[in-house]
Structure formats: C-alpha cells, structure tokens
Amino acid sequence: MICRNLLNIFSGDVLQKSSYVISVIIPTLNEEKLISKTLAQFTPELKKKYNIEVIVSDGGSTDNTLNIIGASAEFIIKAEEGKKQNIPIGRNAGAKHASGKYLYFINADTLIENPEQFFEETLTALKEPKVAALTFKFCVFPDEEKLRDKMFHGTYNNYVYLLNKCGMGMGRGECQIVKKEFFEKVCGYNENLPAGEDYDLYRRLAKHGKIKYLRSIIIFESPRRYRQRGYVKVLWDWTINSLSVLFRNKAVSEKWDEVR
C-alpha cells in the first residue's frame, strides 16, 4: 500500500539510520514560550539510557522557536514555504524521518510527570505483541490547575479509558505513542483533518491492534486553550469534529486555531 499521507515534501533528506529505539516527535509552530521546558525533559542521560532521538517538525514558526531548540533535538524538519501546513502533516513529516521503532508524538506544550517512569512503563507495554498504541491520563500543569480543570479532566480521562476498554480506540493528541509498524499500516495521520486527527488515528489503529491505557502515567498540558476558549467551547469543538470524522471522514473545523 502506498501511503500518500507520508510522502509530503519537507526540507531535508530522510534519515537513513536505525540506531534508535524511540523517536520523540514534537510538532511546533510559534512555541517560544514553552518549547524549552518540553525539550528539557529529554535529558542526555535519558536519551542514552533509552536510545532516544528527538525530532522537531516545525510548521513555519516566525518567533524564536527554532533558535531556542538549538542542539536539543537530533533533527529539525522545516516546512517548505507555500506548502499546506497543519498538525497531522507535521507529525507525519516527523514520522517519515524517524528511525526508531516506537513513535512518541508529544505536543510542544506538554510535560511528563515522571520521565523515567514514563519510558520504563511505555517500553514494557510496547513489548506486548498485540499492543498498537498507548494513551494516558491528562491533566493541566499543576501550578495552574483549578477545580474545574480537575473535574473536566477526571471525567474525560474516564471517558477515554472506557472507549478503549470497548475497543473503539481513542487517544488525545497531546501525547500519542504508536508502534511504527502499525503507524505505517494505517498510513499515519490523515492530513486532510485539521481537527480530530488524533481520534481518527487511534480509531483506525484499534482495528489492527490494542490501544492500551496506562493509568499510572500522567501527562500535563498547558491550560491555555481552556482559558482562552472555555471548557464548553473546547468540548463542543472536540465533539462535533469527532462525530464528523466518525460518520463523514472529515472535520467540521476548517483549521485548528493557534492559541499561544
């Protein structure tokens, strides 16, 4: 099968190497405020211990993002000017250049509660032959968390758990971990979906393998979108896009608004 999604042209040649086990793929677009903290999680010690490469796939940042990244990433992919850009295109570009057999897609505003535990437990789970992908519990940054954040995420985390328990497939895009063999089998992210692409990927992966929910792992995300748009609006956007993807194979949103 030819996966057209994975054949987009980005600047830079495809890497020909196979020494890494894990490829951490971080899509960026004007993330100068948060990218340094995200990258700092992947220390030289962790990279060496778990055989990790970090790939940043930049969608055309006009701020200081690329200068901040510097040597923190093994590879930086820069989108070509004039080419269509969205987050699934950026993630697919990172996957195209990845040499690891496990793809760790992590958003630029995302922090891991305990990175060492995270890599230990995810690698153990990925050794199970039937597992295609992993998902986790999500919360907002602890120092910015409010009661409404706890209530919303507690409920939504249980919803995601139940969907996967039923075999439907669900995983939030802030952090998605996929075995490369399964990722290629489903042709990666659907680049025609500016929203709902994370749900769509796991929905398709669930037809080929198990989506395992690791409740012991907590991933923190910035609350910036919830603060700017409010939980009612965010949940509405998620719901209508997910239903549209499920029944029409297309998103309602024409683009996913940048919130910085």
Protein backbone atom coordinates (compact mmCIF):
# COMPACT_ATOMS: atom_id res chain seq x y z
CA MET A 1 0.00 0.00 0.00
CA ILE A 2 1.27 3.48 -0.89
CA CYS A 3 0.58 5.88 1.95
CA ARG A 4 0.23 9.24 0.28
CA ASN A 5 -0.01 10.91 3.71
CA LEU A 6 3.60 10.04 4.42
CA LEU A 7 5.03 11.35 1.15
CA ASN A 8 4.81 15.10 1.76
CA ILE A 9 7.90 17.02 0.79
CA PHE A 10 9.65 18.80 3.65
CA SER A 11 13.10 20.31 3.55
CA GLY A 12 15.82 17.82 4.47
CA ASP A 13 16.53 14.28 3.36
CA VAL A 14 15.03 11.22 5.00
CA LEU A 15 17.41 9.89 7.62
CA GLN A 16 18.94 6.53 6.89
CA LYS A 17 19.82 5.18 10.32
CA SER A 18 18.50 2.53 12.63
CA SER A 19 20.31 3.02 15.91
CA TYR A 20 17.41 4.48 17.89
CA VAL A 21 14.62 2.63 19.66
CA ILE A 22 12.43 5.66 20.41
CA SER A 23 11.71 8.62 18.15
CA VAL A 24 10.16 11.53 20.06
CA ILE A 25 8.35 13.72 17.51
CA ILE A 26 7.37 17.25 18.53
CA PRO A 27 5.37 19.43 16.11
CA THR A 28 5.93 23.15 16.65
CA LEU A 29 4.51 26.46 15.49
CA ASN A 30 5.49 29.61 17.38
CA GLU A 31 6.16 27.79 20.67
CA GLU A 32 8.92 30.00 22.07
CA LYS A 33 7.18 30.27 25.46
CA LEU A 34 7.06 26.55 26.23
CA ILE A 35 9.36 24.56 23.95
CA SER A 36 12.46 24.80 26.17
CA LYS A 37 10.69 23.11 29.11
CA THR A 38 9.31 20.42 26.85
CA LEU A 39 12.72 19.62 25.38
CA ALA A 40 14.47 19.78 28.77
CA GLN A 41 12.62 16.62 29.82
CA PHE A 42 14.67 14.57 27.40
CA THR A 43 18.00 14.80 29.16
CA PRO A 44 21.22 13.38 27.70
CA GLU A 45 21.08 10.66 30.36
CA LEU A 46 17.56 9.58 29.37
CA LYS A 47 18.40 9.71 25.67
CA LYS A 48 21.38 7.44 26.21
CA LYS A 49 19.62 5.03 28.58
CA TYR A 50 16.54 4.53 26.40
CA ASN A 51 18.12 5.13 22.99
CA ILE A 52 16.03 8.18 22.12
CA GLU A 53 16.17 10.65 19.26
CA VAL A 54 14.20 13.90 19.37
CA ILE A 55 12.75 15.21 16.11
CA VAL A 56 11.15 18.65 15.93
CA SER A 57 8.82 19.19 12.99
CA ASP A 58 8.27 22.91 12.60
CA GLY A 59 5.29 24.22 10.68
CA GLY A 60 6.75 27.64 9.87
CA SER A 61 7.47 29.40 13.16
CA THR A 62 8.06 33.14 12.89
CA ASP A 63 9.08 33.65 16.52
CA ASN A 64 12.22 32.44 18.32
CA THR A 65 11.21 28.75 18.48
CA LEU A 66 13.91 27.38 16.17
CA ASN A 67 16.70 29.34 17.87
CA ILE A 68 15.61 28.04 21.28
CA ILE A 69 15.60 24.44 20.07
CA GLY A 70 19.23 24.64 19.01
CA ALA A 71 21.05 21.37 19.65
CA SER A 72 18.32 19.97 21.93
CA ALA A 73 16.90 17.98 19.01
CA GLU A 74 18.74 15.44 16.89
CA PHE A 75 16.85 16.60 13.82
CA ILE A 76 14.76 19.64 12.89
CA ILE A 77 12.38 19.48 9.96
CA LYS A 78 11.33 22.80 8.49
CA ALA A 79 8.20 23.04 6.38
CA GLU A 80 8.62 24.49 2.93
CA GLU A 81 7.13 27.93 2.35
CA GLY A 82 3.88 27.92 0.45
CA LYS A 83 3.07 24.31 1.29
CA LYS A 84 -0.11 23.39 3.15
CA GLN A 85 0.53 23.07 6.88
CA ASN A 86 -1.37 21.55 9.80
CA ILE A 87 -0.51 19.35 12.77
CA PRO A 88 -1.08 15.94 11.09
CA ILE A 89 1.21 16.99 8.23
CA GLY A 90 3.86 18.00 10.76
CA ARG A 91 3.57 14.75 12.70
CA ASN A 92 3.74 12.66 9.53
CA ALA A 93 6.85 14.53 8.44
CA GLY A 94 8.47 13.68 11.76
CA ALA A 95 7.48 10.03 11.41
CA LYS A 96 8.90 9.95 7.89
CA HIS A 97 12.30 10.95 9.25
CA ALA A 98 12.13 8.76 12.38
CA SER A 99 14.48 5.82 12.77
CA GLY A 100 13.00 4.43 16.00
CA LYS A 101 10.59 1.53 16.01
CA TYR A 102 8.39 3.37 18.51
CA LEU A 103 6.95 6.80 17.66
CA TYR A 104 6.32 9.11 20.62
CA PHE A 105 4.24 12.08 19.41
CA ILE A 106 4.35 14.81 22.05
CA ASN A 107 2.97 18.33 21.75
CA ALA A 108 5.18 21.33 22.39
CA ASP A 109 3.14 22.41 25.43
CA THR A 110 3.27 19.01 27.13
CA LEU A 111 5.18 17.83 30.20
CA ILE A 112 5.59 14.32 31.59
CA GLU A 113 5.09 13.86 35.34
CA ASN A 114 7.97 11.39 35.71
CA PRO A 115 10.02 10.93 32.51
CA GLU A 116 11.98 7.89 33.70
CA GLN A 117 8.84 6.05 34.83
CA PHE A 118 7.20 7.12 31.56
CA PHE A 119 9.86 5.49 29.39
CA GLU A 120 10.15 2.39 31.58
CA GLU A 121 6.43 1.67 31.58
CA THR A 122 5.76 2.58 27.96
CA LEU A 123 8.58 0.38 26.70
CA THR A 124 7.31 -2.51 28.82
CA ALA A 125 3.78 -2.07 27.43
CA LEU A 126 5.03 -1.84 23.85
CA LYS A 127 6.66 -5.25 24.14
CA GLU A 128 3.19 -6.80 24.13
CA PRO A 129 2.69 -8.06 20.54
CA LYS A 130 -0.99 -7.11 20.31
CA VAL A 131 -0.47 -3.53 21.50
CA ALA A 132 -0.54 -1.00 18.65
CA ALA A 133 -0.55 2.23 20.65
CA LEU A 134 -0.69 3.75 24.13
CA THR A 135 -2.64 6.52 25.80
CA PHE A 136 -2.64 8.06 29.28
CA LYS A 137 -4.22 10.29 31.91
CA PHE A 138 -4.04 14.02 31.12
CA CYS A 139 -4.14 16.99 33.48
CA VAL A 140 -3.20 20.66 33.20
CA PHE A 141 0.08 21.97 34.65
CA PRO A 142 -0.14 21.51 38.46
CA ASP A 143 0.78 25.13 39.23
CA GLU A 144 -2.10 26.35 37.04
CA GLU A 145 -4.69 23.71 37.91
CA LYS A 146 -8.09 24.79 39.23
CA LEU A 147 -11.08 22.81 40.46
CA ARG A 148 -12.82 22.96 37.08
CA ASP A 149 -9.69 21.52 35.45
CA LYS A 150 -9.71 18.56 37.82
CA MET A 151 -13.39 17.92 37.24
CA PHE A 152 -13.20 18.13 33.47
CA HIS A 153 -10.06 16.05 33.01
CA GLY A 154 -11.11 13.47 35.59
CA THR A 155 -14.33 12.89 33.66
CA TYR A 156 -12.71 12.98 30.24
CA ASN A 157 -9.91 10.61 31.24
CA ASN A 158 -12.50 8.05 32.34
CA TYR A 159 -14.36 8.54 29.05
CA VAL A 160 -11.18 7.79 27.08
CA TYR A 161 -10.50 4.75 29.24
CA LEU A 162 -13.99 3.36 28.62
CA LEU A 163 -13.79 3.90 24.86
CA ASN A 164 -10.59 1.89 24.72
CA LYS A 165 -11.99 -0.75 27.04
CA CYS A 166 -14.80 -1.18 24.50
CA GLY A 167 -12.26 -1.47 21.68
CA MET A 168 -13.30 1.74 19.92
CA GLY A 169 -9.89 3.41 20.01
CA MET A 170 -9.22 6.85 21.47
CA GLY A 171 -6.18 8.83 22.49
CA ARG A 172 -5.60 12.55 22.97
CA GLY A 173 -3.09 14.18 20.65
CA GLU A 174 -1.05 15.81 23.42
CA CYS A 175 0.84 12.52 23.70
CA GLN A 176 0.30 9.55 21.42
CA ILE A 177 2.66 6.58 21.29
CA VAL A 178 2.45 4.22 18.34
CA LYS A 179 4.48 1.29 17.09
CA LYS A 180 5.90 2.33 13.74
CA GLU A 181 4.74 -0.89 12.04
CA PHE A 182 1.13 -0.11 12.96
CA PHE A 183 1.50 3.58 12.11
CA GLU A 184 2.65 2.68 8.61
CA LYS A 185 -0.06 0.04 8.27
CA VAL A 186 -2.77 2.71 8.65
CA CYS A 187 -0.82 5.32 6.64
CA GLY A 188 -0.27 7.64 9.60
CA TYR A 189 -2.33 10.71 10.37
CA ASN A 190 -4.99 11.83 7.91
CA GLU A 191 -3.58 15.11 6.62
CA ASN A 192 -6.99 16.29 5.43
CA LEU A 193 -8.17 16.58 9.04
CA PRO A 194 -7.21 19.91 10.66
CA ALA A 195 -9.05 18.70 13.79
CA GLY A 196 -9.96 15.27 15.14
CA GLU A 197 -6.87 13.71 13.57
CA ASP A 198 -5.78 12.24 16.92
CA TYR A 199 -9.08 10.43 17.47
CA ASP A 200 -9.12 9.32 13.83
CA LEU A 201 -5.66 7.73 14.07
CA TYR A 202 -6.49 5.70 17.17
CA ARG A 203 -9.88 4.70 15.76
CA ARG A 204 -8.11 3.18 12.75
CA LEU A 205 -5.31 1.66 14.83
CA ALA A 206 -7.86 -0.13 17.03
CA LYS A 207 -8.87 -2.19 14.00
CA HIS A 208 -5.37 -3.67 13.83
CA GLY A 209 -4.25 -3.88 17.45
CA LYS A 210 -4.92 -2.92 21.05
CA ILE A 211 -4.88 0.64 22.38
CA LYS A 212 -3.54 0.31 25.90
CA TYR A 213 -4.44 2.90 28.53
CA LEU A 214 -1.69 3.35 31.15
CA ARG A 215 -3.44 4.85 34.17
CA SER A 216 -0.22 5.15 36.16
CA ILE A 217 1.23 7.69 33.71
CA ILE A 218 0.19 11.34 33.95
CA ILE A 219 0.81 13.83 31.17
CA PHE A 220 0.48 17.55 31.88
CA GLU A 221 -0.63 20.07 29.27
CA SER A 222 -0.89 23.84 29.16
CA PRO A 223 -4.38 25.12 30.05
CA ARG A 224 -4.05 27.95 27.53
CA ARG A 225 -6.80 26.72 25.18
CA TYR A 226 -9.22 26.10 28.05
CA ARG A 227 -8.51 29.54 29.49
CA GLN A 228 -8.99 31.35 26.19
CA ARG A 229 -12.00 29.45 24.85
CA GLY A 230 -13.57 27.86 27.93
CA TYR A 231 -14.36 24.20 28.51
CA VAL A 232 -17.83 24.31 26.96
CA LYS A 233 -16.47 25.61 23.64
CA VAL A 234 -13.49 23.23 23.66
CA LEU A 235 -15.68 20.22 24.40
CA TRP A 236 -18.12 21.27 21.67
CA ASP A 237 -15.27 21.54 19.15
CA TRP A 238 -13.94 18.12 20.13
CA THR A 239 -17.37 16.51 19.96
CA ILE A 240 -18.55 17.84 16.61
CA ASN A 241 -15.20 17.14 14.96
CA SER A 242 -15.01 13.60 16.36
CA LEU A 243 -18.55 12.77 15.25
CA SER A 244 -17.89 14.26 11.83
CA VAL A 245 -14.70 12.21 11.48
CA LEU A 246 -16.52 9.07 12.58
CA PHE A 247 -19.51 9.40 10.24
CA ARG A 248 -18.22 11.59 7.39
CA ASN A 249 -14.45 11.06 7.50
CA LYS A 250 -13.92 14.82 7.55
CA ALA A 251 -13.64 17.54 10.18
CA VAL A 252 -16.13 20.35 10.75
CA SER A 253 -13.37 22.84 11.60
CA GLU A 254 -11.51 24.15 8.56
CA LYS A 255 -8.47 24.83 10.72
CA TRP A 256 -7.41 24.37 14.34
CA ASP A 257 -6.91 27.83 15.79
CA GLU A 258 -3.45 28.66 17.10
CA VAL A 259 -3.54 29.54 20.81
CA ARG A 260 -0.33 30.90 22.29
